[in-house]
């Protein structure tokens, strides 16, 4: 459960990071 939550958190973090990256690149 712990590792599963950590992995999900990383994916969510990357999604947010990529979204901001796209916004600032435009």
PDB file of N, CA and C in Angstrom:
ATOM      1  N   UNK A   1       0.832  -1.203   0.000  1.00  0.00           N
ATOM      2  CA  UNK A   1       0.000   0.000   0.000  1.00  0.00           C
ATOM      3  C   UNK A   1       0.871   1.259   0.000  1.00  0.00           C
ATOM      4  N   UNK A   2       1.893   1.263   0.832  1.00  0.00           N
ATOM      5  CA  UNK A   2       2.755   2.435   0.935  1.00  0.00           C
ATOM      6  C   UNK A   2       3.421   2.746  -0.405  1.00  0.00           C
ATOM      7  N   UNK A   3       4.022   1.716  -1.008  1.00  0.00           N
ATOM      8  CA  UNK A   3       4.707   1.929  -2.285  1.00  0.00           C
ATOM      9  C   UNK A   3       3.726   2.314  -3.379  1.00  0.00           C
ATOM     10  N   UNK A   4       2.531   1.728  -3.316  1.00  0.00           N
ATOM     11  CA  UNK A   4       1.520   2.041  -4.316  1.00  0.00           C
ATOM     12  C   UNK A   4       1.130   3.517  -4.203  1.00  0.00           C
ATOM     13  N   UNK A   5       0.963   3.988  -2.987  1.00  0.00           N
ATOM     14  CA  UNK A   5       0.600   5.396  -2.772  1.00  0.00           C
ATOM     15  C   UNK A   5       1.741   6.307  -3.234  1.00  0.00           C
ATOM     16  N   UNK A   6       2.962   5.928  -2.924  1.00  0.00           N
ATOM     17  CA  UNK A   6       4.119   6.728  -3.326  1.00  0.00           C
ATOM     18  C   UNK A   6       4.188   6.831  -4.848  1.00  0.00           C
ATOM     19  N   UNK A   7       3.988   5.713  -5.526  1.00  0.00           N
ATOM     20  CA  UNK A   7       4.052   5.691  -6.985  1.00  0.00           C
ATOM     21  C   UNK A   7       2.964   6.582  -7.560  1.00  0.00           C
ATOM     22  N   UNK A   8       1.762   6.478  -7.026  1.00  0.00           N
ATOM     23  CA  UNK A   8       0.653   7.297  -7.512  1.00  0.00           C
ATOM     24  C   UNK A   8       0.959   8.776  -7.285  1.00  0.00           C
ATOM     25  N   UNK A   9       1.538   9.083  -6.157  1.00  0.00           N
ATOM     26  CA  UNK A   9       1.891  10.464  -5.856  1.00  0.00           C
ATOM     27  C   UNK A   9       2.910  11.002  -6.843  1.00  0.00           C
ATOM     28  N   UNK A  10       3.890  10.168  -7.195  1.00  0.00           N
ATOM     29  CA  UNK A  10       4.920  10.589  -8.151  1.00  0.00           C
ATOM     30  C   UNK A  10       4.300  10.873  -9.512  1.00  0.00           C
ATOM     31  N   UNK A  11       3.378  10.005  -9.930  1.00  0.00           N
ATOM     32  CA  UNK A  11       2.727  10.187 -11.231  1.00  0.00           C
ATOM     33  C   UNK A  11       1.923  11.484 -11.224  1.00  0.00           C
ATOM     34  N   UNK A  12       1.208  11.727 -10.138  1.00  0.00           N
ATOM     35  CA  UNK A  12       0.406  12.945 -10.028  1.00  0.00           C
ATOM     36  C   UNK A  12       1.321  14.164 -10.043  1.00  0.00           C
ATOM     37  N   UNK A  13       2.430  14.081  -9.324  1.00  0.00           N
ATOM     38  CA  UNK A  13       3.374  15.189  -9.261  1.00  0.00           C
ATOM     39  C   UNK A  13       3.938  15.493 -10.654  1.00  0.00           C
ATOM     40  N   UNK A  14       4.262  14.426 -11.388  1.00  0.00           N
ATOM     41  CA  UNK A  14       4.804  14.616 -12.737  1.00  0.00           C
ATOM     42  C   UNK A  14       3.769  15.238 -13.652  1.00  0.00           C
ATOM     43  N   UNK A  15       2.511  14.828 -13.506  1.00  0.00           N
ATOM     44  CA  UNK A  15       1.445  15.370 -14.346  1.00  0.00           C
ATOM     45  C   UNK A  15       1.299  16.873 -14.102  1.00  0.00           C
ATOM     46  N   UNK A  16       1.315  17.262 -12.838  1.00  0.00           N
ATOM     47  CA  UNK A  16       1.199  18.683 -12.488  1.00  0.00           C
ATOM     48  C   UNK A  16       2.418  19.447 -12.999  1.00  0.00           C
ATOM     49  N   UNK A  17       3.600  18.850 -12.821  1.00  0.00           N
ATOM     50  CA  UNK A  17       4.842  19.487 -13.268  1.00  0.00           C
ATOM     51  C   UNK A  17       4.814  19.719 -14.777  1.00  0.00           C
ATOM     52  N   UNK A  18       4.385  18.704 -15.514  1.00  0.00           N
ATOM     53  CA  UNK A  18       4.320  18.819 -16.977  1.00  0.00           C
ATOM     54  C   UNK A  18       3.281  19.858 -17.388  1.00  0.00           C
ATOM     55  N   UNK A  19       2.167  19.928 -16.673  1.00  0.00           N
ATOM     56  CA  UNK A  19       1.114  20.896 -16.994  1.00  0.00           C
ATOM     57  C   UNK A  19       1.657  22.319 -16.831  1.00  0.00           C
ATOM     58  N   UNK A  20       2.344  22.581 -15.720  1.00  0.00           N
ATOM     59  CA  UNK A  20       2.911  23.912 -15.493  1.00  0.00           C
ATOM     60  C   UNK A  20       3.976  24.227 -16.536  1.00  0.00           C
ATOM     61  N   UNK A  21       4.756  23.215 -16.890  1.00  0.00           N
ATOM     62  CA  UNK A  21       5.817  23.389 -17.881  1.00  0.00           C
ATOM     63  C   UNK A  21       5.203  23.845 -19.198  1.00  0.00           C
ATOM     64  N   UNK A  22       4.107  23.199 -19.601  1.00  0.00           N
ATOM     65  CA  UNK A  22       3.437  23.560 -20.855  1.00  0.00           C
ATOM     66  C   UNK A  22       2.920  24.990 -20.786  1.00  0.00           C
ATOM     67  N   UNK A  23       2.303  25.338 -19.659  1.00  0.00           N
ATOM     68  CA  UNK A  23       1.730  26.681 -19.502  1.00  0.00           C
ATOM     69  C   UNK A  23       2.828  27.740 -19.611  1.00  0.00           C
ATOM     70  N   UNK A  24       3.942  27.527 -18.917  1.00  0.00           N
ATOM     71  CA  UNK A  24       5.012  28.532 -18.908  1.00  0.00           C
ATOM     72  C   UNK A  24       5.778  28.565 -20.223  1.00  0.00           C
ATOM     73  N   UNK A  25       5.803  27.420 -20.934  1.00  0.00           N
ATOM     74  CA  UNK A  25       6.486  27.407 -22.224  1.00  0.00           C
ATOM     75  C   UNK A  25       5.696  28.202 -23.255  1.00  0.00           C
ATOM     76  N   UNK A  26       4.387  28.237 -23.118  1.00  0.00           N
ATOM     77  CA  UNK A  26       3.551  28.999 -24.044  1.00  0.00           C
ATOM     78  C   UNK A  26       3.528  30.447 -23.572  1.00  0.00           C
TER      79      UNK A  26
END
